[in-house]
Amino acid sequence: MVGDSPIQFTPKILLLDPIGEHIANCMGPTVDMQLGREILGEAILAATILNTDKAWRDSLRAIVPRLAPLQISPSTGALQEWLEDYKEAEPEHRHTSHLMGVYPLDEITPWETPAFQKRQR
């Protein structure tokens, strides 16, 4: 995965680490990976349309496959929000940041990613 430690602090969501301790930060949340793919893709497209910065464009293309992929949570069957399948301390607390790939982005669509489209919860 890109970087040594792409950590995000989650002030509203408490996660449980493997031994049951509460944590409020994690590496590689889905929303960060979705935004990264979108920003890199748009920059690559712009440089392609403008027919400029081939070396830079190629360097961006090399980053994209290093971003963590979308995942289905084995424990919930939903689109996994975090790099690891953490349990949430307050599972009834609903949030939608991991659904950025559905809207306003279009990384998750019924025609290109039907397995993930069905799992958006």
PDB file of N, CA and C in Angstrom:
ATOM      1  N   MET A   1       0.840  -1.169   0.000  1.00  0.00           N
ATOM      2  CA  MET A   1       0.000   0.000   0.000  1.00  0.00           C
ATOM      3  C   MET A   1       0.886   1.234   0.000  1.00  0.00           C
ATOM      4  N   VAL A   2       0.377   2.321  -0.527  1.00  0.00           N
ATOM      5  CA  VAL A   2       1.146   3.554  -0.651  1.00  0.00           C
ATOM      6  C   VAL A   2       1.491   4.111   0.718  1.00  0.00           C
ATOM      7  N   GLY A   3       2.703   4.591   0.848  1.00  0.00           N
ATOM      8  CA  GLY A   3       3.128   5.263   2.081  1.00  0.00           C
ATOM      9  C   GLY A   3       3.449   4.299   3.195  1.00  0.00           C
ATOM     10  N   ASP A   4       4.129   4.821   4.185  1.00  0.00           N
ATOM     11  CA  ASP A   4       4.477   3.990   5.330  1.00  0.00           C
ATOM     12  C   ASP A   4       3.298   3.836   6.281  1.00  0.00           C
ATOM     13  N   SER A   5       2.499   4.898   6.422  1.00  0.00           N
ATOM     14  CA  SER A   5       1.444   4.857   7.412  1.00  0.00           C
ATOM     15  C   SER A   5       0.335   5.856   7.089  1.00  0.00           C
ATOM     16  N   PRO A   6      -0.544   5.539   6.122  1.00  0.00           N
ATOM     17  CA  PRO A   6      -1.651   6.443   5.822  1.00  0.00           C
ATOM     18  C   PRO A   6      -2.746   6.296   6.875  1.00  0.00           C
ATOM     19  N   ILE A   7      -2.531   6.912   8.024  1.00  0.00           N
ATOM     20  CA  ILE A   7      -3.437   6.749   9.159  1.00  0.00           C
ATOM     21  C   ILE A   7      -4.496   7.830   9.143  1.00  0.00           C
ATOM     22  N   GLN A   8      -5.721   7.430   9.438  1.00  0.00           N
ATOM     23  CA  GLN A   8      -6.813   8.381   9.570  1.00  0.00           C
ATOM     24  C   GLN A   8      -7.348   8.287  10.990  1.00  0.00           C
ATOM     25  N   PHE A   9      -7.585   9.440  11.582  1.00  0.00           N
ATOM     26  CA  PHE A   9      -8.198   9.511  12.905  1.00  0.00           C
ATOM     27  C   PHE A   9      -9.702   9.530  12.724  1.00  0.00           C
ATOM     28  N   THR A  10     -10.418   8.732  13.481  1.00  0.00           N
ATOM     29  CA  THR A  10     -11.865   8.656  13.355  1.00  0.00           C
ATOM     30  C   THR A  10     -12.510   9.106  14.665  1.00  0.00           C
ATOM     31  N   PRO A  11     -12.718  10.413  14.851  1.00  0.00           N
ATOM     32  CA  PRO A  11     -13.212  10.896  16.142  1.00  0.00           C
ATOM     33  C   PRO A  11     -14.622  10.443  16.490  1.00  0.00           C
ATOM     34  N   LYS A  12     -15.454  10.135  15.493  1.00  0.00           N
ATOM     35  CA  LYS A  12     -16.833   9.752  15.784  1.00  0.00           C
ATOM     36  C   LYS A  12     -17.011   8.246  15.896  1.00  0.00           C
ATOM     37  N   ILE A  13     -16.066   7.493  15.387  1.00  0.00           N
ATOM     38  CA  ILE A  13     -16.201   6.037  15.350  1.00  0.00           C
ATOM     39  C   ILE A  13     -15.116   5.415  16.214  1.00  0.00           C
ATOM     40  N   LEU A  14     -15.509   4.585  17.143  1.00  0.00           N
ATOM     41  CA  LEU A  14     -14.534   3.823  17.908  1.00  0.00           C
ATOM     42  C   LEU A  14     -14.492   2.412  17.338  1.00  0.00           C
ATOM     43  N   LEU A  15     -13.299   1.962  17.066  1.00  0.00           N
ATOM     44  CA  LEU A  15     -13.096   0.615  16.554  1.00  0.00           C
ATOM     45  C   LEU A  15     -12.542  -0.249  17.670  1.00  0.00           C
ATOM     46  N   LEU A  16     -12.639  -1.533  17.485  1.00  0.00           N
ATOM     47  CA  LEU A  16     -12.061  -2.467  18.448  1.00  0.00           C
ATOM     48  C   LEU A  16     -10.888  -3.176  17.784  1.00  0.00           C
ATOM     49  N   ASP A  17      -9.733  -3.123  18.441  1.00  0.00           N
ATOM     50  CA  ASP A  17      -8.575  -3.835  17.882  1.00  0.00           C
ATOM     51  C   ASP A  17      -8.745  -5.333  18.139  1.00  0.00           C
ATOM     52  N   PRO A  18      -7.822  -6.155  17.658  1.00  0.00           N
ATOM     53  CA  PRO A  18      -7.994  -7.611  17.795  1.00  0.00           C
ATOM     54  C   PRO A  18      -8.132  -8.121  19.224  1.00  0.00           C
ATOM     55  N   ILE A  19      -7.652  -7.356  20.210  1.00  0.00           N
ATOM     56  CA  ILE A  19      -7.802  -7.815  21.598  1.00  0.00           C
ATOM     57  C   ILE A  19      -8.944  -7.103  22.328  1.00  0.00           C
ATOM     58  N   GLY A  20      -9.757  -6.332  21.574  1.00  0.00           N
ATOM     59  CA  GLY A  20     -10.939  -5.705  22.154  1.00  0.00           C
ATOM     60  C   GLY A  20     -10.735  -4.317  22.720  1.00  0.00           C
ATOM     61  N   GLU A  21      -9.549  -3.743  22.551  1.00  0.00           N
ATOM     62  CA  GLU A  21      -9.289  -2.388  23.026  1.00  0.00           C
ATOM     63  C   GLU A  21      -9.875  -1.366  22.054  1.00  0.00           C
ATOM     64  N   HIS A  22     -10.385  -0.256  22.597  1.00  0.00           N
ATOM     65  CA  HIS A  22     -10.929   0.801  21.748  1.00  0.00           C
ATOM     66  C   HIS A  22      -9.792   1.573  21.080  1.00  0.00           C
ATOM     67  N   ILE A  23      -9.943   1.797  19.781  1.00  0.00           N
ATOM     68  CA  ILE A  23      -8.986   2.613  19.043  1.00  0.00           C
ATOM     69  C   ILE A  23      -9.779   3.616  18.203  1.00  0.00           C
ATOM     70  N   ALA A  24      -9.150   4.732  17.863  1.00  0.00           N
ATOM     71  CA  ALA A  24      -9.843   5.759  17.087  1.00  0.00           C
ATOM     72  C   ALA A  24      -9.047   6.158  15.848  1.00  0.00           C
ATOM     73  N   ASN A  25      -8.107   5.324  15.448  1.00  0.00           N
ATOM     74  CA  ASN A  25      -7.395   5.596  14.198  1.00  0.00           C
ATOM     75  C   ASN A  25      -7.056   4.278  13.527  1.00  0.00           C
ATOM     76  N   CYS A  26      -6.878   4.360  12.239  1.00  0.00           N
ATOM     77  CA  CYS A  26      -6.604   3.139  11.488  1.00  0.00           C
ATOM     78  C   CYS A  26      -5.871   3.501  10.205  1.00  0.00           C
ATOM     79  N   MET A  27      -5.259   2.516   9.594  1.00  0.00           N
ATOM     80  CA  MET A  27      -4.546   2.729   8.336  1.00  0.00           C
ATOM     81  C   MET A  27      -5.460   2.422   7.158  1.00  0.00           C
ATOM     82  N   GLY A  28      -5.335   3.213   6.109  1.00  0.00           N
ATOM     83  CA  GLY A  28      -5.974   2.940   4.837  1.00  0.00           C
ATOM     84  C   GLY A  28      -7.478   2.819   4.822  1.00  0.00           C
ATOM     85  N   PRO A  29      -8.231   3.777   5.398  1.00  0.00           N
ATOM     86  CA  PRO A  29      -9.682   3.660   5.311  1.00  0.00           C
ATOM     87  C   PRO A  29     -10.155   3.718   3.858  1.00  0.00           C
ATOM     88  N   THR A  30     -11.245   3.073   3.581  1.00  0.00           N
ATOM     89  CA  THR A  30     -11.780   2.968   2.227  1.00  0.00           C
ATOM     90  C   THR A  30     -11.979   4.327   1.581  1.00  0.00           C
ATOM     91  N   VAL A  31     -12.517   5.290   2.327  1.00  0.00           N
ATOM     92  CA  VAL A  31     -12.758   6.614   1.747  1.00  0.00           C
ATOM     93  C   VAL A  31     -11.460   7.238   1.238  1.00  0.00           C
ATOM     94  N   ASP A  32     -10.377   7.084   1.949  1.00  0.00           N
ATOM     95  CA  ASP A  32      -9.100   7.654   1.509  1.00  0.00           C
ATOM     96  C   ASP A  32      -8.631   6.994   0.212  1.00  0.00           C
ATOM     97  N   MET A  33      -8.812   5.687   0.111  1.00  0.00           N
ATOM     98  CA  MET A  33      -8.402   4.975  -1.098  1.00  0.00           C
ATOM     99  C   MET A  33      -9.279   5.388  -2.287  1.00  0.00           C
ATOM    100  N   GLN A  34     -10.579   5.555  -2.051  1.00  0.00           N
ATOM    101  CA  GLN A  34     -11.494   5.977  -3.114  1.00  0.00           C
ATOM    102  C   GLN A  34     -11.129   7.372  -3.611  1.00  0.00           C
ATOM    103  N   LEU A  35     -10.900   8.297  -2.679  1.00  0.00           N
ATOM    104  CA  LEU A  35     -10.529   9.657  -3.071  1.00  0.00           C
ATOM    105  C   LEU A  35      -9.183   9.670  -3.780  1.00  0.00           C
ATOM    106  N   GLY A  36      -8.249   8.858  -3.318  1.00  0.00           N
ATOM    107  CA  GLY A  36      -6.939   8.774  -3.964  1.00  0.00           C
ATOM    108  C   GLY A  36      -7.052   8.294  -5.399  1.00  0.00           C
ATOM    109  N   ARG A  37      -7.851   7.237  -5.621  1.00  0.00           N
ATOM    110  CA  ARG A  37      -8.028   6.736  -6.991  1.00  0.00           C
ATOM    111  C   ARG A  37      -8.686   7.789  -7.874  1.00  0.00           C
ATOM    112  N   GLU A  38      -9.660   8.512  -7.347  1.00  0.00           N
ATOM    113  CA  GLU A  38     -10.350   9.542  -8.121  1.00  0.00           C
ATOM    114  C   GLU A  38      -9.404  10.687  -8.498  1.00  0.00           C
ATOM    115  N   ILE A  39      -8.668  11.186  -7.523  1.00  0.00           N
ATOM    116  CA  ILE A  39      -7.761  12.311  -7.773  1.00  0.00           C
ATOM    117  C   ILE A  39      -6.664  11.911  -8.757  1.00  0.00           C
ATOM    118  N   LEU A  40      -6.075  10.747  -8.549  1.00  0.00           N
ATOM    119  CA  LEU A  40      -5.034  10.278  -9.470  1.00  0.00           C
ATOM    120  C   LEU A  40      -5.598  10.072 -10.873  1.00  0.00           C
ATOM    121  N   GLY A  41      -6.785   9.463 -10.953  1.00  0.00           N
ATOM    122  CA  GLY A  41      -7.396   9.229 -12.257  1.00  0.00           C
ATOM    123  C   GLY A  41      -7.695  10.517 -13.005  1.00  0.00           C
ATOM    124  N   GLU A  42      -8.190  11.525 -12.293  1.00  0.00           N
ATOM    125  CA  GLU A  42      -8.496  12.811 -12.935  1.00  0.00           C
ATOM    126  C   GLU A  42      -7.214  13.522 -13.378  1.00  0.00           C
ATOM    127  N   ALA A  43      -6.165  13.434 -12.575  1.00  0.00           N
ATOM    128  CA  ALA A  43      -4.892  14.056 -12.953  1.00  0.00           C
ATOM    129  C   ALA A  43      -4.298  13.366 -14.185  1.00  0.00           C
ATOM    130  N   ILE A  44      -4.370  12.042 -14.219  1.00  0.00           N
ATOM    131  CA  ILE A  44      -3.872  11.286 -15.374  1.00  0.00           C
ATOM    132  C   ILE A  44      -4.675  11.655 -16.620  1.00  0.00           C
ATOM    133  N   LEU A  45      -5.997  11.725 -16.474  1.00  0.00           N
ATOM    134  CA  LEU A  45      -6.849  12.085 -17.606  1.00  0.00           C
ATOM    135  C   LEU A  45      -6.536  13.493 -18.116  1.00  0.00           C
ATOM    136  N   ALA A  46      -6.373  14.441 -17.205  1.00  0.00           N
ATOM    137  CA  ALA A  46      -6.068  15.822 -17.609  1.00  0.00           C
ATOM    138  C   ALA A  46      -4.744  15.892 -18.371  1.00  0.00           C
ATOM    139  N   ALA A  47      -3.724  15.221 -17.840  1.00  0.00           N
ATOM    140  CA  ALA A  47      -2.422  15.246 -18.512  1.00  0.00           C
ATOM    141  C   ALA A  47      -2.494  14.548 -19.871  1.00  0.00           C
ATOM    142  N   THR A  48      -3.342  13.526 -19.974  1.00  0.00           N
ATOM    143  CA  THR A  48      -3.511  12.827 -21.249  1.00  0.00           C
ATOM    144  C   THR A  48      -4.205  13.734 -22.264  1.00  0.00           C
ATOM    145  N   ILE A  49      -5.281  14.376 -21.852  1.00  0.00           N
ATOM    146  CA  ILE A  49      -6.021  15.275 -22.743  1.00  0.00           C
ATOM    147  C   ILE A  49      -5.130  16.430 -23.214  1.00  0.00           C
ATOM    148  N   LEU A  50      -4.333  16.950 -22.292  1.00  0.00           N
ATOM    149  CA  LEU A  50      -3.451  18.067 -22.625  1.00  0.00           C
ATOM    150  C   LEU A  50      -2.167  17.616 -23.322  1.00  0.00           C
ATOM    151  N   ASN A  51      -1.989  16.296 -23.410  1.00  0.00           N
ATOM    152  CA  ASN A  51      -0.806  15.727 -24.040  1.00  0.00           C
ATOM    153  C   ASN A  51       0.483  16.322 -23.439  1.00  0.00           C
ATOM    154  N   THR A  52       0.555  16.262 -22.118  1.00  0.00           N
ATOM    155  CA  THR A  52       1.699  16.834 -21.419  1.00  0.00           C
ATOM    156  C   THR A  52       2.105  15.954 -20.242  1.00  0.00           C
ATOM    157  N   ASP A  53       3.275  16.184 -19.726  1.00  0.00           N
ATOM    158  CA  ASP A  53       3.758  15.556 -18.490  1.00  0.00           C
ATOM    159  C   ASP A  53       3.703  14.025 -18.505  1.00  0.00           C
ATOM    160  N   LYS A  54       4.196  13.412 -19.570  1.00  0.00           N
ATOM    161  CA  LYS A  54       4.143  11.954 -19.671  1.00  0.00           C
ATOM    162  C   LYS A  54       4.835  11.260 -18.498  1.00  0.00           C
ATOM    163  N   ALA A  55       5.999  11.741 -18.095  1.00  0.00           N
ATOM    164  CA  ALA A  55       6.719  11.108 -16.980  1.00  0.00           C
ATOM    165  C   ALA A  55       5.900  11.199 -15.688  1.00  0.00           C
ATOM    166  N   TRP A  56       5.301  12.343 -15.450  1.00  0.00           N
ATOM    167  CA  TRP A  56       4.477  12.536 -14.252  1.00  0.00           C
ATOM    168  C   TRP A  56       3.246  11.638 -14.311  1.00  0.00           C
ATOM    169  N   ARG A  57       2.611  11.606 -15.477  1.00  0.00           N
ATOM    170  CA  ARG A  57       1.438  10.756 -15.701  1.00  0.00           C
ATOM    171  C   ARG A  57       1.776   9.302 -15.411  1.00  0.00           C
ATOM    172  N   ASP A  58       2.917   8.846 -15.934  1.00  0.00           N
ATOM    173  CA  ASP A  58       3.345   7.467 -15.704  1.00  0.00           C
ATOM    174  C   ASP A  58       3.621   7.200 -14.224  1.00  0.00           C
ATOM    175  N   SER A  59       4.160   8.194 -13.534  1.00  0.00           N
ATOM    176  CA  SER A  59       4.422   8.013 -12.098  1.00  0.00           C
ATOM    177  C   SER A  59       3.110   7.883 -11.324  1.00  0.00           C
ATOM    178  N   LEU A  60       2.077   8.618 -11.747  1.00  0.00           N
ATOM    179  CA  LEU A  60       0.765   8.506 -11.099  1.00  0.00           C
ATOM    180  C   LEU A  60       0.141   7.144 -11.384  1.00  0.00           C
ATOM    181  N   ARG A  61       0.275   6.700 -12.629  1.00  0.00           N
ATOM    182  CA  ARG A  61      -0.265   5.375 -12.992  1.00  0.00           C
ATOM    183  C   ARG A  61       0.362   4.270 -12.139  1.00  0.00           C
ATOM    184  N   ALA A  62       1.617   4.437 -11.767  1.00  0.00           N
ATOM    185  CA  ALA A  62       2.306   3.427 -10.949  1.00  0.00           C
ATOM    186  C   ALA A  62       1.782   3.411  -9.512  1.00  0.00           C
ATOM    187  N   ILE A  63       1.211   4.522  -9.061  1.00  0.00           N
ATOM    188  CA  ILE A  63       0.691   4.600  -7.686  1.00  0.00           C
ATOM    189  C   ILE A  63      -0.655   3.899  -7.557  1.00  0.00           C
ATOM    190  N   VAL A  64      -1.503   4.040  -8.548  1.00  0.00           N
ATOM    191  CA  VAL A  64      -2.890   3.554  -8.463  1.00  0.00           C
ATOM    192  C   VAL A  64      -2.989   2.094  -8.013  1.00  0.00           C
ATOM    193  N   PRO A  65      -2.254   1.147  -8.593  1.00  0.00           N
ATOM    194  CA  PRO A  65      -2.407  -0.250  -8.149  1.00  0.00           C
ATOM    195  C   PRO A  65      -1.877  -0.504  -6.741  1.00  0.00           C
ATOM    196  N   ARG A  66      -1.153   0.453  -6.184  1.00  0.00           N
ATOM    197  CA  ARG A  66      -0.633   0.288  -4.827  1.00  0.00           C
ATOM    198  C   ARG A  66      -1.648   0.705  -3.764  1.00  0.00           C
ATOM    199  N   LEU A  67      -2.745   1.340  -4.181  1.00  0.00           N
ATOM    200  CA  LEU A  67      -3.787   1.710  -3.230  1.00  0.00           C
ATOM    201  C   LEU A  67      -4.586   0.463  -2.852  1.00  0.00           C
ATOM    202  N   ALA A  68      -5.034   0.422  -1.622  1.00  0.00           N
ATOM    203  CA  ALA A  68      -5.802  -0.739  -1.155  1.00  0.00           C
ATOM    204  C   ALA A  68      -7.099  -0.868  -1.951  1.00  0.00           C
ATOM    205  N   PRO A  69      -7.457  -2.074  -2.356  1.00  0.00           N
ATOM    206  CA  PRO A  69      -8.679  -2.270  -3.138  1.00  0.00           C
ATOM    207  C   PRO A  69      -9.930  -2.230  -2.261  1.00  0.00           C
ATOM    208  N   LEU A  70     -11.071  -2.097  -2.908  1.00  0.00           N
ATOM    209  CA  LEU A  70     -12.340  -2.255  -2.202  1.00  0.00           C
ATOM    210  C   LEU A  70     -12.409  -3.688  -1.700  1.00  0.00           C
ATOM    211  N   GLN A  71     -13.060  -3.870  -0.545  1.00  0.00           N
ATOM    212  CA  GLN A  71     -13.169  -5.206   0.036  1.00  0.00           C
ATOM    213  C   GLN A  71     -14.572  -5.419   0.594  1.00  0.00           C
ATOM    214  N   ILE A  72     -14.991  -6.653   0.624  1.00  0.00           N
ATOM    215  CA  ILE A  72     -16.234  -7.034   1.281  1.00  0.00           C
ATOM    216  C   ILE A  72     -15.855  -7.548   2.672  1.00  0.00           C
ATOM    217  N   SER A  73     -16.512  -7.039   3.701  1.00  0.00           N
ATOM    218  CA  SER A  73     -16.230  -7.460   5.070  1.00  0.00           C
ATOM    219  C   SER A  73     -16.686  -8.895   5.285  1.00  0.00           C
ATOM    220  N   PRO A  74     -15.773  -9.780   5.705  1.00  0.00           N
ATOM    221  CA  PRO A  74     -16.190 -11.154   5.993  1.00  0.00           C
ATOM    222  C   PRO A  74     -17.168 -11.235   7.167  1.00  0.00           C
ATOM    223  N   SER A  75     -17.084 -10.286   8.103  1.00  0.00           N
ATOM    224  CA  SER A  75     -17.940 -10.364   9.282  1.00  0.00           C
ATOM    225  C   SER A  75     -19.332  -9.777   9.072  1.00  0.00           C
ATOM    226  N   THR A  76     -19.476  -8.774   8.180  1.00  0.00           N
ATOM    227  CA  THR A  76     -20.784  -8.149   7.983  1.00  0.00           C
ATOM    228  C   THR A  76     -21.362  -8.373   6.595  1.00  0.00           C
ATOM    229  N   GLY A  77     -20.530  -8.733   5.632  1.00  0.00           N
ATOM    230  CA  GLY A  77     -20.982  -8.894   4.254  1.00  0.00           C
ATOM    231  C   GLY A  77     -21.182  -7.571   3.528  1.00  0.00           C
ATOM    232  N   ALA A  78     -20.855  -6.463   4.178  1.00  0.00           N
ATOM    233  CA  ALA A  78     -21.013  -5.129   3.586  1.00  0.00           C
ATOM    234  C   ALA A  78     -19.677  -4.652   3.023  1.00  0.00           C
ATOM    235  N   LEU A  79     -19.735  -3.542   2.300  1.00  0.00           N
ATOM    236  CA  LEU A  79     -18.503  -2.920   1.835  1.00  0.00           C
ATOM    237  C   LEU A  79     -17.661  -2.587   3.062  1.00  0.00           C
ATOM    238  N   GLN A  80     -16.442  -3.070   3.081  1.00  0.00           N
ATOM    239  CA  GLN A  80     -15.579  -2.876   4.250  1.00  0.00           C
ATOM    240  C   GLN A  80     -15.098  -1.439   4.309  1.00  0.00           C
ATOM    241  N   GLU A  81     -15.231  -0.820   5.466  1.00  0.00           N
ATOM    242  CA  GLU A  81     -14.898   0.591   5.612  1.00  0.00           C
ATOM    243  C   GLU A  81     -13.426   0.835   5.929  1.00  0.00           C
ATOM    244  N   TRP A  82     -12.783  -0.135   6.481  1.00  0.00           N
ATOM    245  CA  TRP A  82     -11.395   0.026   6.928  1.00  0.00           C
ATOM    246  C   TRP A  82     -10.524  -1.002   6.227  1.00  0.00           C
ATOM    247  N   LEU A  83      -9.225  -0.791   6.238  1.00  0.00           N
ATOM    248  CA  LEU A  83      -8.297  -1.731   5.620  1.00  0.00           C
ATOM    249  C   LEU A  83      -8.403  -3.105   6.282  1.00  0.00           C
ATOM    250  N   GLU A  84      -8.516  -3.105   7.584  1.00  0.00           N
ATOM    251  CA  GLU A  84      -8.718  -4.338   8.357  1.00  0.00           C
ATOM    252  C   GLU A  84     -10.220  -4.472   8.636  1.00  0.00           C
ATOM    253  N   ASP A  85     -10.676  -5.666   8.900  1.00  0.00           N
ATOM    254  CA  ASP A  85     -12.087  -5.882   9.211  1.00  0.00           C
ATOM    255  C   ASP A  85     -12.315  -5.685  10.709  1.00  0.00           C
ATOM    256  N   TYR A  86     -12.177  -4.428  11.148  1.00  0.00           N
ATOM    257  CA  TYR A  86     -12.350  -4.106  12.561  1.00  0.00           C
ATOM    258  C   TYR A  86     -13.805  -4.243  12.970  1.00  0.00           C
ATOM    259  N   LYS A  87     -14.011  -4.622  14.207  1.00  0.00           N
ATOM    260  CA  LYS A  87     -15.346  -4.550  14.788  1.00  0.00           C
ATOM    261  C   LYS A  87     -15.529  -3.125  15.293  1.00  0.00           C
ATOM    262  N   GLU A  88     -16.744  -2.628  15.203  1.00  0.00           N
ATOM    263  CA  GLU A  88     -17.018  -1.285  15.697  1.00  0.00           C
ATOM    264  C   GLU A  88     -17.547  -1.370  17.115  1.00  0.00           C
ATOM    265  N   ALA A  89     -17.099  -0.456  17.984  1.00  0.00           N
ATOM    266  CA  ALA A  89     -17.552  -0.421  19.364  1.00  0.00           C
ATOM    267  C   ALA A  89     -19.029  -0.039  19.437  1.00  0.00           C
ATOM    268  N   GLU A  90     -19.492   0.754  18.471  1.00  0.00           N
ATOM    269  CA  GLU A  90     -20.899   1.178  18.404  1.00  0.00           C
ATOM    270  C   GLU A  90     -21.448   0.843  17.011  1.00  0.00           C
ATOM    271  N   PRO A  91     -21.755  -0.420  16.742  1.00  0.00           N
ATOM    272  CA  PRO A  91     -22.166  -0.805  15.391  1.00  0.00           C
ATOM    273  C   PRO A  91     -23.463  -0.136  14.913  1.00  0.00           C
ATOM    274  N   GLU A  92     -24.272   0.357  15.836  1.00  0.00           N
ATOM    275  CA  GLU A  92     -25.508   1.029  15.431  1.00  0.00           C
ATOM    276  C   GLU A  92     -25.256   2.458  14.940  1.00  0.00           C
ATOM    277  N   HIS A  93     -24.060   2.989  15.174  1.00  0.00           N
ATOM    278  CA  HIS A  93     -23.701   4.324  14.696  1.00  0.00           C
ATOM    279  C   HIS A  93     -23.481   4.243  13.187  1.00  0.00           C
ATOM    280  N   ARG A  94     -24.316   4.912  12.406  1.00  0.00           N
ATOM    281  CA  ARG A  94     -24.236   4.822  10.955  1.00  0.00           C
ATOM    282  C   ARG A  94     -23.480   6.003  10.372  1.00  0.00           C
ATOM    283  N   HIS A  95     -22.720   5.755   9.372  1.00  0.00           N
ATOM    284  CA  HIS A  95     -21.967   6.779   8.665  1.00  0.00           C
ATOM    285  C   HIS A  95     -21.782   6.304   7.235  1.00  0.00           C
ATOM    286  N   THR A  96     -21.433   7.227   6.351  1.00  0.00           N
ATOM    287  CA  THR A  96     -21.435   6.876   4.936  1.00  0.00           C
ATOM    288  C   THR A  96     -20.143   7.221   4.197  1.00  0.00           C
ATOM    289  N   SER A  97     -19.105   7.588   4.910  1.00  0.00           N
ATOM    290  CA  SER A  97     -17.887   8.016   4.209  1.00  0.00           C
ATOM    291  C   SER A  97     -17.354   6.946   3.264  1.00  0.00           C
ATOM    292  N   HIS A  98     -17.473   5.685   3.631  1.00  0.00           N
ATOM    293  CA  HIS A  98     -16.965   4.613   2.770  1.00  0.00           C
ATOM    294  C   HIS A  98     -17.811   4.425   1.507  1.00  0.00           C
ATOM    295  N   LEU A  99     -18.934   5.129   1.419  1.00  0.00           N
ATOM    296  CA  LEU A  99     -19.793   5.038   0.241  1.00  0.00           C
ATOM    297  C   LEU A  99     -19.538   6.157  -0.763  1.00  0.00           C
ATOM    298  N   MET A 100     -18.458   6.920  -0.574  1.00  0.00           N
ATOM    299  CA  MET A 100     -18.093   7.960  -1.544  1.00  0.00           C
ATOM    300  C   MET A 100     -17.916   7.359  -2.930  1.00  0.00           C
ATOM    301  N   GLY A 101     -17.508   6.115  -2.993  1.00  0.00           N
ATOM    302  CA  GLY A 101     -17.316   5.448  -4.276  1.00  0.00           C
ATOM    303  C   GLY A 101     -18.614   5.228  -5.036  1.00  0.00           C
ATOM    304  N   VAL A 102     -19.738   5.304  -4.329  1.00  0.00           N
ATOM    305  CA  VAL A 102     -21.052   5.197  -4.966  1.00  0.00           C
ATOM    306  C   VAL A 102     -21.494   6.581  -5.427  1.00  0.00           C
ATOM    307  N   TYR A 103     -21.449   7.526  -4.510  1.00  0.00           N
ATOM    308  CA  TYR A 103     -21.813   8.907  -4.814  1.00  0.00           C
ATOM    309  C   TYR A 103     -21.089   9.814  -3.839  1.00  0.00           C
ATOM    310  N   PRO A 104     -20.440  10.832  -4.301  1.00  0.00           N
ATOM    311  CA  PRO A 104     -20.503  11.456  -5.609  1.00  0.00           C
ATOM    312  C   PRO A 104     -19.542  10.847  -6.635  1.00  0.00           C
ATOM    313  N   LEU A 105     -18.669   9.970  -6.227  1.00  0.00           N
ATOM    314  CA  LEU A 105     -17.761   9.328  -7.195  1.00  0.00           C
ATOM    315  C   LEU A 105     -18.514   8.211  -7.899  1.00  0.00           C
ATOM    316  N   ASP A 106     -17.899   7.582  -8.856  1.00  0.00           N
ATOM    317  CA  ASP A 106     -18.572   6.485  -9.552  1.00  0.00           C
ATOM    318  C   ASP A 106     -17.690   5.243  -9.637  1.00  0.00           C
ATOM    319  N   GLU A 107     -16.963   4.994  -8.574  1.00  0.00           N
ATOM    320  CA  GLU A 107     -16.115   3.799  -8.542  1.00  0.00           C
ATOM    321  C   GLU A 107     -16.961   2.533  -8.378  1.00  0.00           C
ATOM    322  N   ILE A 108     -18.088   2.659  -7.703  1.00  0.00           N
ATOM    323  CA  ILE A 108     -18.981   1.525  -7.474  1.00  0.00           C
ATOM    324  C   ILE A 108     -20.253   1.762  -8.289  1.00  0.00           C
ATOM    325  N   THR A 109     -20.470   0.898  -9.286  1.00  0.00           N
ATOM    326  CA  THR A 109     -21.647   1.026 -10.142  1.00  0.00           C
ATOM    327  C   THR A 109     -22.256  -0.358 -10.363  1.00  0.00           C
ATOM    328  N   PRO A 110     -23.545  -0.423 -10.672  1.00  0.00           N
ATOM    329  CA  PRO A 110     -24.163  -1.730 -10.899  1.00  0.00           C
ATOM    330  C   PRO A 110     -23.607  -2.447 -12.121  1.00  0.00           C
ATOM    331  N   TRP A 111     -23.097  -1.715 -13.105  1.00  0.00           N
ATOM    332  CA  TRP A 111     -22.633  -2.342 -14.341  1.00  0.00           C
ATOM    333  C   TRP A 111     -21.158  -2.694 -14.320  1.00  0.00           C
ATOM    334  N   GLU A 112     -20.331  -1.989 -13.537  1.00  0.00           N
ATOM    335  CA  GLU A 112     -18.898  -2.302 -13.515  1.00  0.00           C
ATOM    336  C   GLU A 112     -18.460  -3.048 -12.261  1.00  0.00           C
ATOM    337  N   THR A 113     -19.147  -2.832 -11.162  1.00  0.00           N
ATOM    338  CA  THR A 113     -18.768  -3.475  -9.896  1.00  0.00           C
ATOM    339  C   THR A 113     -20.015  -4.000  -9.180  1.00  0.00           C
ATOM    340  N   PRO A 114     -20.771  -4.911  -9.794  1.00  0.00           N
ATOM    341  CA  PRO A 114     -22.029  -5.361  -9.196  1.00  0.00           C
ATOM    342  C   PRO A 114     -21.866  -6.010  -7.820  1.00  0.00           C
ATOM    343  N   ALA A 115     -20.756  -6.685  -7.581  1.00  0.00           N
ATOM    344  CA  ALA A 115     -20.561  -7.320  -6.276  1.00  0.00           C
ATOM    345  C   ALA A 115     -20.493  -6.282  -5.160  1.00  0.00           C
ATOM    346  N   PHE A 116     -19.871  -5.144  -5.437  1.00  0.00           N
ATOM    347  CA  PHE A 116     -19.781  -4.090  -4.430  1.00  0.00           C
ATOM    348  C   PHE A 116     -21.063  -3.277  -4.366  1.00  0.00           C
ATOM    349  N   GLN A 117     -21.744  -3.106  -5.479  1.00  0.00           N
ATOM    350  CA  GLN A 117     -22.999  -2.359  -5.510  1.00  0.00           C
ATOM    351  C   GLN A 117     -24.019  -3.012  -4.573  1.00  0.00           C
ATOM    352  N   LYS A 118     -24.038  -4.326  -4.540  1.00  0.00           N
ATOM    353  CA  LYS A 118     -24.985  -5.055  -3.693  1.00  0.00           C
ATOM    354  C   LYS A 118     -24.629  -4.952  -2.214  1.00  0.00           C
ATOM    355  N   ARG A 119     -23.394  -4.591  -1.900  1.00  0.00           N
ATOM    356  CA  ARG A 119     -22.904  -4.610  -0.518  1.00  0.00           C
ATOM    357  C   ARG A 119     -22.885  -3.256   0.153  1.00  0.00           C
ATOM    358  N   GLN A 120     -23.407  -2.230  -0.475  1.00  0.00           N
ATOM    359  CA  GLN A 120     -23.355  -0.894   0.108  1.00  0.00           C
ATOM    360  C   GLN A 120     -24.376  -0.766   1.223  1.00  0.00           C
ATOM    361  N   ARG A 121     -23.897  -0.879   2.427  1.00  0.00           N
ATOM    362  CA  ARG A 121     -24.746  -0.745   3.620  1.00  0.00           C
ATOM    363  C   ARG A 121     -24.075   0.172   4.602  1.00  0.00           C
TER     364      ARG A 121
END
